[in-house]
């Protein structure tokens, strides 16, 4: 017997030096077509914003789950990914019967599931989940840019660009940095004063 409620799930933000891991989950109507839907990494920020609104209008349900930097530091990357996905599925508010995931499964989930190779570029519900997660995380990082000036979060979204690494070296880590990662600790070890706040123009 076929499954009636199938959710696509994907996560973003595993690799950055700062910020949360965010997962999206989406249940789309059977045969739903969303023009322009694609792998979130291939889309511009403006395109993702438009598609995010379309997905939320057309989807049967959309859920977002996340693990912030403090929890990430405590549980590690693998568990953070699993928790974010579990929370995204729970946030759908529907009795999901089956999961479609990008590349890797979630072994802790009791739900039957399929890990789809390159799912974020071939499966509509996974692509939708990826876009929802990416938009949610990017908007958070833009907000963090105002809360923690000098790091350039609005530009690099926490990824390990040269400017971001230099900012950590100069300012020390912020409350949203992944201090459990050796690279962040190495950069922070050279910070002259972690409580200083630099002129953003000096480190970009």
C-alpha atoms as a PDB file:
ATOM      1  CA  UNK A   1       0.000   0.000   0.000  1.00  0.00           C
ATOM      2  CA  UNK A   2       1.329   3.453  -0.918  1.00  0.00           C
ATOM      3  CA  UNK A   3       2.184   6.108   1.625  1.00  0.00           C
ATOM      4  CA  UNK A   4      -0.134   9.126   1.729  1.00  0.00           C
ATOM      5  CA  UNK A   5       1.948  11.599   3.720  1.00  0.00           C
ATOM      6  CA  UNK A   6       5.525  11.758   2.413  1.00  0.00           C
ATOM      7  CA  UNK A   7       7.871  14.493   3.631  1.00  0.00           C
ATOM      8  CA  UNK A   8      11.012  15.702   1.943  1.00  0.00           C
ATOM      9  CA  UNK A   9      13.674  16.681   4.466  1.00  0.00           C
ATOM     10  CA  UNK A  10      17.017  18.444   4.111  1.00  0.00           C
ATOM     11  CA  UNK A  11      19.418  20.395   6.291  1.00  0.00           C
ATOM     12  CA  UNK A  12      21.693  23.381   5.795  1.00  0.00           C
ATOM     13  CA  UNK A  13      24.491  24.849   7.837  1.00  0.00           C
ATOM     14  CA  UNK A  14      26.566  21.810   8.764  1.00  0.00           C
ATOM     15  CA  UNK A  15      29.841  23.312   7.579  1.00  0.00           C
ATOM     16  CA  UNK A  16      29.964  26.913   8.882  1.00  0.00           C
ATOM     17  CA  UNK A  17      32.066  28.096  11.794  1.00  0.00           C
ATOM     18  CA  UNK A  18      29.070  29.878  13.322  1.00  0.00           C
ATOM     19  CA  UNK A  19      25.299  29.787  13.502  1.00  0.00           C
ATOM     20  CA  UNK A  20      22.687  27.056  13.729  1.00  0.00           C
ATOM     21  CA  UNK A  21      22.116  23.857  11.810  1.00  0.00           C
ATOM     22  CA  UNK A  22      18.658  24.218  10.254  1.00  0.00           C
ATOM     23  CA  UNK A  23      16.499  21.526   8.676  1.00  0.00           C
ATOM     24  CA  UNK A  24      13.413  21.966   6.564  1.00  0.00           C
ATOM     25  CA  UNK A  25      10.603  19.495   5.940  1.00  0.00           C
ATOM     26  CA  UNK A  26       7.956  19.798   3.244  1.00  0.00           C
ATOM     27  CA  UNK A  27       4.900  17.782   2.261  1.00  0.00           C
ATOM     28  CA  UNK A  28       3.834  18.739  -1.256  1.00  0.00           C
ATOM     29  CA  UNK A  29       0.589  17.863  -3.034  1.00  0.00           C
ATOM     30  CA  UNK A  30       0.933  14.946  -5.426  1.00  0.00           C
ATOM     31  CA  UNK A  31       2.209  16.212  -8.775  1.00  0.00           C
ATOM     32  CA  UNK A  32       2.832  19.735  -7.501  1.00  0.00           C
ATOM     33  CA  UNK A  33       4.817  21.908  -9.900  1.00  0.00           C
ATOM     34  CA  UNK A  34       6.765  24.913  -8.702  1.00  0.00           C
ATOM     35  CA  UNK A  35       8.470  26.772 -11.575  1.00  0.00           C
ATOM     36  CA  UNK A  36      12.092  27.493 -10.800  1.00  0.00           C
ATOM     37  CA  UNK A  37      12.384  24.887  -8.056  1.00  0.00           C
ATOM     38  CA  UNK A  38      15.995  23.721  -7.851  1.00  0.00           C
ATOM     39  CA  UNK A  39      18.846  22.898  -5.522  1.00  0.00           C
ATOM     40  CA  UNK A  40      18.967  25.830  -3.084  1.00  0.00           C
ATOM     41  CA  UNK A  41      22.733  26.187  -3.627  1.00  0.00           C
ATOM     42  CA  UNK A  42      22.131  26.974  -7.314  1.00  0.00           C
ATOM     43  CA  UNK A  43      19.680  29.795  -6.592  1.00  0.00           C
ATOM     44  CA  UNK A  44      20.252  33.409  -5.633  1.00  0.00           C
ATOM     45  CA  UNK A  45      18.994  34.766  -2.326  1.00  0.00           C
ATOM     46  CA  UNK A  46      16.229  36.654  -4.166  1.00  0.00           C
ATOM     47  CA  UNK A  47      15.139  33.518  -6.043  1.00  0.00           C
ATOM     48  CA  UNK A  48      15.040  31.526  -2.811  1.00  0.00           C
ATOM     49  CA  UNK A  49      12.866  34.161  -1.136  1.00  0.00           C
ATOM     50  CA  UNK A  50      10.325  33.986  -3.975  1.00  0.00           C
ATOM     51  CA  UNK A  51      10.295  30.180  -3.955  1.00  0.00           C
ATOM     52  CA  UNK A  52      10.032  30.075  -0.158  1.00  0.00           C
ATOM     53  CA  UNK A  53       6.781  32.056  -0.356  1.00  0.00           C
ATOM     54  CA  UNK A  54       5.466  29.822  -3.155  1.00  0.00           C
ATOM     55  CA  UNK A  55       6.369  26.642  -1.276  1.00  0.00           C
ATOM     56  CA  UNK A  56       4.615  27.834   1.881  1.00  0.00           C
ATOM     57  CA  UNK A  57       1.485  28.682  -0.142  1.00  0.00           C
ATOM     58  CA  UNK A  58       1.390  25.426  -2.109  1.00  0.00           C
ATOM     59  CA  UNK A  59       2.649  22.877   0.404  1.00  0.00           C
ATOM     60  CA  UNK A  60       0.321  20.768   2.515  1.00  0.00           C
ATOM     61  CA  UNK A  61       2.710  21.391   5.401  1.00  0.00           C
ATOM     62  CA  UNK A  62       6.114  22.974   6.025  1.00  0.00           C
ATOM     63  CA  UNK A  63       8.261  22.516   9.122  1.00  0.00           C
ATOM     64  CA  UNK A  64      11.566  23.960  10.322  1.00  0.00           C
ATOM     65  CA  UNK A  65      13.811  22.590  13.055  1.00  0.00           C
ATOM     66  CA  UNK A  66      17.179  23.773  14.260  1.00  0.00           C
ATOM     67  CA  UNK A  67      20.064  23.264  16.636  1.00  0.00           C
ATOM     68  CA  UNK A  68      21.785  26.425  17.812  1.00  0.00           C
ATOM     69  CA  UNK A  69      25.528  26.806  18.282  1.00  0.00           C
ATOM     70  CA  UNK A  70      25.433  26.142  22.020  1.00  0.00           C
ATOM     71  CA  UNK A  71      23.639  22.830  21.550  1.00  0.00           C
ATOM     72  CA  UNK A  72      25.850  22.016  18.550  1.00  0.00           C
ATOM     73  CA  UNK A  73      28.916  22.451  20.738  1.00  0.00           C
ATOM     74  CA  UNK A  74      27.459  19.991  23.208  1.00  0.00           C
ATOM     75  CA  UNK A  75      26.154  17.223  20.931  1.00  0.00           C
ATOM     76  CA  UNK A  76      28.429  17.416  17.860  1.00  0.00           C
ATOM     77  CA  UNK A  77      27.720  17.697  14.140  1.00  0.00           C
ATOM     78  CA  UNK A  78      26.171  14.278  13.447  1.00  0.00           C
ATOM     79  CA  UNK A  79      23.686  14.483  16.306  1.00  0.00           C
ATOM     80  CA  UNK A  80      22.923  18.131  15.494  1.00  0.00           C
ATOM     81  CA  UNK A  81      21.913  17.125  11.974  1.00  0.00           C
ATOM     82  CA  UNK A  82      19.674  14.369  13.278  1.00  0.00           C
ATOM     83  CA  UNK A  83      18.018  16.587  15.881  1.00  0.00           C
ATOM     84  CA  UNK A  84      17.350  19.386  13.399  1.00  0.00           C
ATOM     85  CA  UNK A  85      15.681  16.950  11.002  1.00  0.00           C
ATOM     86  CA  UNK A  86      13.609  15.307  13.731  1.00  0.00           C
ATOM     87  CA  UNK A  87      12.407  18.725  14.871  1.00  0.00           C
ATOM     88  CA  UNK A  88      11.547  19.801  11.332  1.00  0.00           C
ATOM     89  CA  UNK A  89       9.410  16.697  10.811  1.00  0.00           C
ATOM     90  CA  UNK A  90       7.697  17.199  14.186  1.00  0.00           C
ATOM     91  CA  UNK A  91       6.970  20.816  13.250  1.00  0.00           C
ATOM     92  CA  UNK A  92       4.927  19.678  10.226  1.00  0.00           C
ATOM     93  CA  UNK A  93       2.076  18.865  12.580  1.00  0.00           C
ATOM     94  CA  UNK A  94       1.033  15.910  10.410  1.00  0.00           C
ATOM     95  CA  UNK A  95       1.270  12.136  10.928  1.00  0.00           C
ATOM     96  CA  UNK A  96       4.107  11.654   8.433  1.00  0.00           C
ATOM     97  CA  UNK A  97       4.363   8.125   7.035  1.00  0.00           C
ATOM     98  CA  UNK A  98       7.573   8.252   4.992  1.00  0.00           C
ATOM     99  CA  UNK A  99      10.668  10.424   4.659  1.00  0.00           C
ATOM    100  CA  UNK A 100      12.679  11.359   1.600  1.00  0.00           C
ATOM    101  CA  UNK A 101      16.129  12.638   2.544  1.00  0.00           C
ATOM    102  CA  UNK A 102      19.094  14.041   0.684  1.00  0.00           C
ATOM    103  CA  UNK A 103      21.976  11.549   0.535  1.00  0.00           C
ATOM    104  CA  UNK A 104      21.989  10.357   4.170  1.00  0.00           C
ATOM    105  CA  UNK A 105      19.303   8.698   6.261  1.00  0.00           C
ATOM    106  CA  UNK A 106      18.346   9.437   9.871  1.00  0.00           C
ATOM    107  CA  UNK A 107      18.813   6.067  11.582  1.00  0.00           C
ATOM    108  CA  UNK A 108      17.291   7.268  14.868  1.00  0.00           C
ATOM    109  CA  UNK A 109      13.943   8.024  13.221  1.00  0.00           C
ATOM    110  CA  UNK A 110      11.315   5.292  13.528  1.00  0.00           C
ATOM    111  CA  UNK A 111       9.800   6.311  10.196  1.00  0.00           C
ATOM    112  CA  UNK A 112      10.542   4.402   6.992  1.00  0.00           C
ATOM    113  CA  UNK A 113      12.788   6.504   4.785  1.00  0.00           C
ATOM    114  CA  UNK A 114      14.766   6.706   1.587  1.00  0.00           C
ATOM    115  CA  UNK A 115      18.073   8.548   1.178  1.00  0.00           C
ATOM    116  CA  UNK A 116      18.031   9.964  -2.358  1.00  0.00           C
ATOM    117  CA  UNK A 117      21.396  10.539  -4.028  1.00  0.00           C
ATOM    118  CA  UNK A 118      21.492  14.213  -5.088  1.00  0.00           C
ATOM    119  CA  UNK A 119      17.987  14.533  -3.728  1.00  0.00           C
ATOM    120  CA  UNK A 120      18.355  18.285  -3.303  1.00  0.00           C
ATOM    121  CA  UNK A 121      18.519  18.620  -7.093  1.00  0.00           C
ATOM    122  CA  UNK A 122      16.198  15.805  -8.227  1.00  0.00           C
ATOM    123  CA  UNK A 123      13.333  15.434  -5.721  1.00  0.00           C
ATOM    124  CA  UNK A 124      10.747  18.236  -5.476  1.00  0.00           C
ATOM    125  CA  UNK A 125       9.926  17.858  -1.790  1.00  0.00           C
ATOM    126  CA  UNK A 126      13.609  17.665  -0.806  1.00  0.00           C
ATOM    127  CA  UNK A 127      14.385  20.734  -2.917  1.00  0.00           C
ATOM    128  CA  UNK A 128      11.494  22.553  -1.243  1.00  0.00           C
ATOM    129  CA  UNK A 129      12.745  21.546   2.201  1.00  0.00           C
ATOM    130  CA  UNK A 130      16.251  22.713   1.332  1.00  0.00           C
ATOM    131  CA  UNK A 131      15.029  26.125   0.190  1.00  0.00           C
ATOM    132  CA  UNK A 132      12.865  26.635   3.280  1.00  0.00           C
ATOM    133  CA  UNK A 133      15.789  25.716   5.524  1.00  0.00           C
ATOM    134  CA  UNK A 134      18.263  27.900   3.633  1.00  0.00           C
ATOM    135  CA  UNK A 135      16.003  30.961   3.715  1.00  0.00           C
ATOM    136  CA  UNK A 136      15.278  30.488   7.408  1.00  0.00           C
ATOM    137  CA  UNK A 137      18.964  30.184   8.279  1.00  0.00           C
ATOM    138  CA  UNK A 138      20.150  33.039   6.056  1.00  0.00           C
ATOM    139  CA  UNK A 139      17.627  35.440   7.582  1.00  0.00           C
ATOM    140  CA  UNK A 140      18.800  34.433  11.053  1.00  0.00           C
ATOM    141  CA  UNK A 141      22.413  35.076  10.118  1.00  0.00           C
ATOM    142  CA  UNK A 142      21.484  38.520   8.803  1.00  0.00           C
ATOM    143  CA  UNK A 143      19.872  39.256  12.177  1.00  0.00           C
ATOM    144  CA  UNK A 144      22.985  37.984  13.970  1.00  0.00           C
ATOM    145  CA  UNK A 145      25.051  40.425  11.912  1.00  0.00           C
ATOM    146  CA  UNK A 146      23.310  43.248  13.755  1.00  0.00           C
ATOM    147  CA  UNK A 147      23.666  41.596  17.146  1.00  0.00           C
ATOM    148  CA  UNK A 148      27.348  40.737  16.717  1.00  0.00           C
ATOM    149  CA  UNK A 149      28.897  43.381  14.454  1.00  0.00           C
ATOM    150  CA  UNK A 150      32.305  42.993  12.927  1.00  0.00           C
ATOM    151  CA  UNK A 151      32.095  39.353  11.845  1.00  0.00           C
ATOM    152  CA  UNK A 152      30.267  39.904   8.553  1.00  0.00           C
ATOM    153  CA  UNK A 153      27.580  37.280   9.178  1.00  0.00           C
ATOM    154  CA  UNK A 154      25.204  38.905   6.668  1.00  0.00           C
ATOM    155  CA  UNK A 155      27.781  38.360   3.927  1.00  0.00           C
ATOM    156  CA  UNK A 156      29.189  34.884   4.541  1.00  0.00           C
ATOM    157  CA  UNK A 157      26.412  33.404   6.736  1.00  0.00           C
ATOM    158  CA  UNK A 158      28.984  31.915   9.094  1.00  0.00           C
ATOM    159  CA  UNK A 159      31.054  30.021   6.524  1.00  0.00           C
ATOM    160  CA  UNK A 160      34.825  29.957   6.770  1.00  0.00           C
ATOM    161  CA  UNK A 161      35.746  32.783   4.415  1.00  0.00           C
ATOM    162  CA  UNK A 162      39.101  34.489   4.862  1.00  0.00           C
ATOM    163  CA  UNK A 163      37.404  37.640   6.198  1.00  0.00           C
ATOM    164  CA  UNK A 164      35.400  35.620   8.714  1.00  0.00           C
ATOM    165  CA  UNK A 165      38.471  33.790   9.979  1.00  0.00           C
ATOM    166  CA  UNK A 166      40.352  37.068  10.325  1.00  0.00           C
ATOM    167  CA  UNK A 167      37.411  38.485  12.289  1.00  0.00           C
ATOM    168  CA  UNK A 168      37.550  35.590  14.755  1.00  0.00           C
ATOM    169  CA  UNK A 169      41.304  36.038  15.031  1.00  0.00           C
ATOM    170  CA  UNK A 170      40.838  39.733  15.858  1.00  0.00           C
ATOM    171  CA  UNK A 171      37.612  39.685  17.908  1.00  0.00           C
ATOM    172  CA  UNK A 172      37.540  36.226  19.389  1.00  0.00           C
ATOM    173  CA  UNK A 173      34.462  33.998  19.062  1.00  0.00           C
ATOM    174  CA  UNK A 174      30.930  35.323  19.433  1.00  0.00           C
ATOM    175  CA  UNK A 175      28.173  33.468  21.324  1.00  0.00           C
ATOM    176  CA  UNK A 176      27.069  31.839  18.058  1.00  0.00           C
ATOM    177  CA  UNK A 177      30.470  30.415  17.087  1.00  0.00           C
ATOM    178  CA  UNK A 178      31.102  26.671  17.186  1.00  0.00           C
ATOM    179  CA  UNK A 179      33.815  26.670  19.788  1.00  0.00           C
ATOM    180  CA  UNK A 180      33.799  22.860  19.849  1.00  0.00           C
ATOM    181  CA  UNK A 181      35.581  23.024  16.472  1.00  0.00           C
ATOM    182  CA  UNK A 182      39.361  23.077  16.543  1.00  0.00           C
ATOM    183  CA  UNK A 183      39.616  25.688  13.796  1.00  0.00           C
ATOM    184  CA  UNK A 184      37.534  28.178  15.777  1.00  0.00           C
ATOM    185  CA  UNK A 185      39.628  27.552  18.886  1.00  0.00           C
ATOM    186  CA  UNK A 186      42.839  27.988  16.910  1.00  0.00           C
ATOM    187  CA  UNK A 187      41.673  31.304  15.503  1.00  0.00           C
ATOM    188  CA  UNK A 188      40.366  32.461  18.878  1.00  0.00           C
ATOM    189  CA  UNK A 189      43.691  31.658  20.528  1.00  0.00           C
ATOM    190  CA  UNK A 190      45.249  34.534  18.597  1.00  0.00           C
ATOM    191  CA  UNK A 191      42.574  37.076  19.466  1.00  0.00           C
ATOM    192  CA  UNK A 192      44.062  40.032  21.391  1.00  0.00           C
ATOM    193  CA  UNK A 193      40.821  40.652  23.260  1.00  0.00           C
ATOM    194  CA  UNK A 194      37.689  38.607  22.659  1.00  0.00           C
ATOM    195  CA  UNK A 195      35.570  41.418  24.114  1.00  0.00           C
ATOM    196  CA  UNK A 196      36.785  43.989  21.588  1.00  0.00           C
ATOM    197  CA  UNK A 197      34.604  44.921  18.651  1.00  0.00           C
ATOM    198  CA  UNK A 198      36.326  45.966  15.476  1.00  0.00           C
ATOM    199  CA  UNK A 199      35.288  48.365  12.779  1.00  0.00           C
ATOM    200  CA  UNK A 200      33.764  45.963  10.194  1.00  0.00           C
ATOM    201  CA  UNK A 201      35.585  47.814   7.411  1.00  0.00           C
ATOM    202  CA  UNK A 202      38.898  46.923   9.022  1.00  0.00           C
ATOM    203  CA  UNK A 203      38.397  43.171   8.643  1.00  0.00           C
ATOM    204  CA  UNK A 204      36.544  42.813   5.355  1.00  0.00           C
END
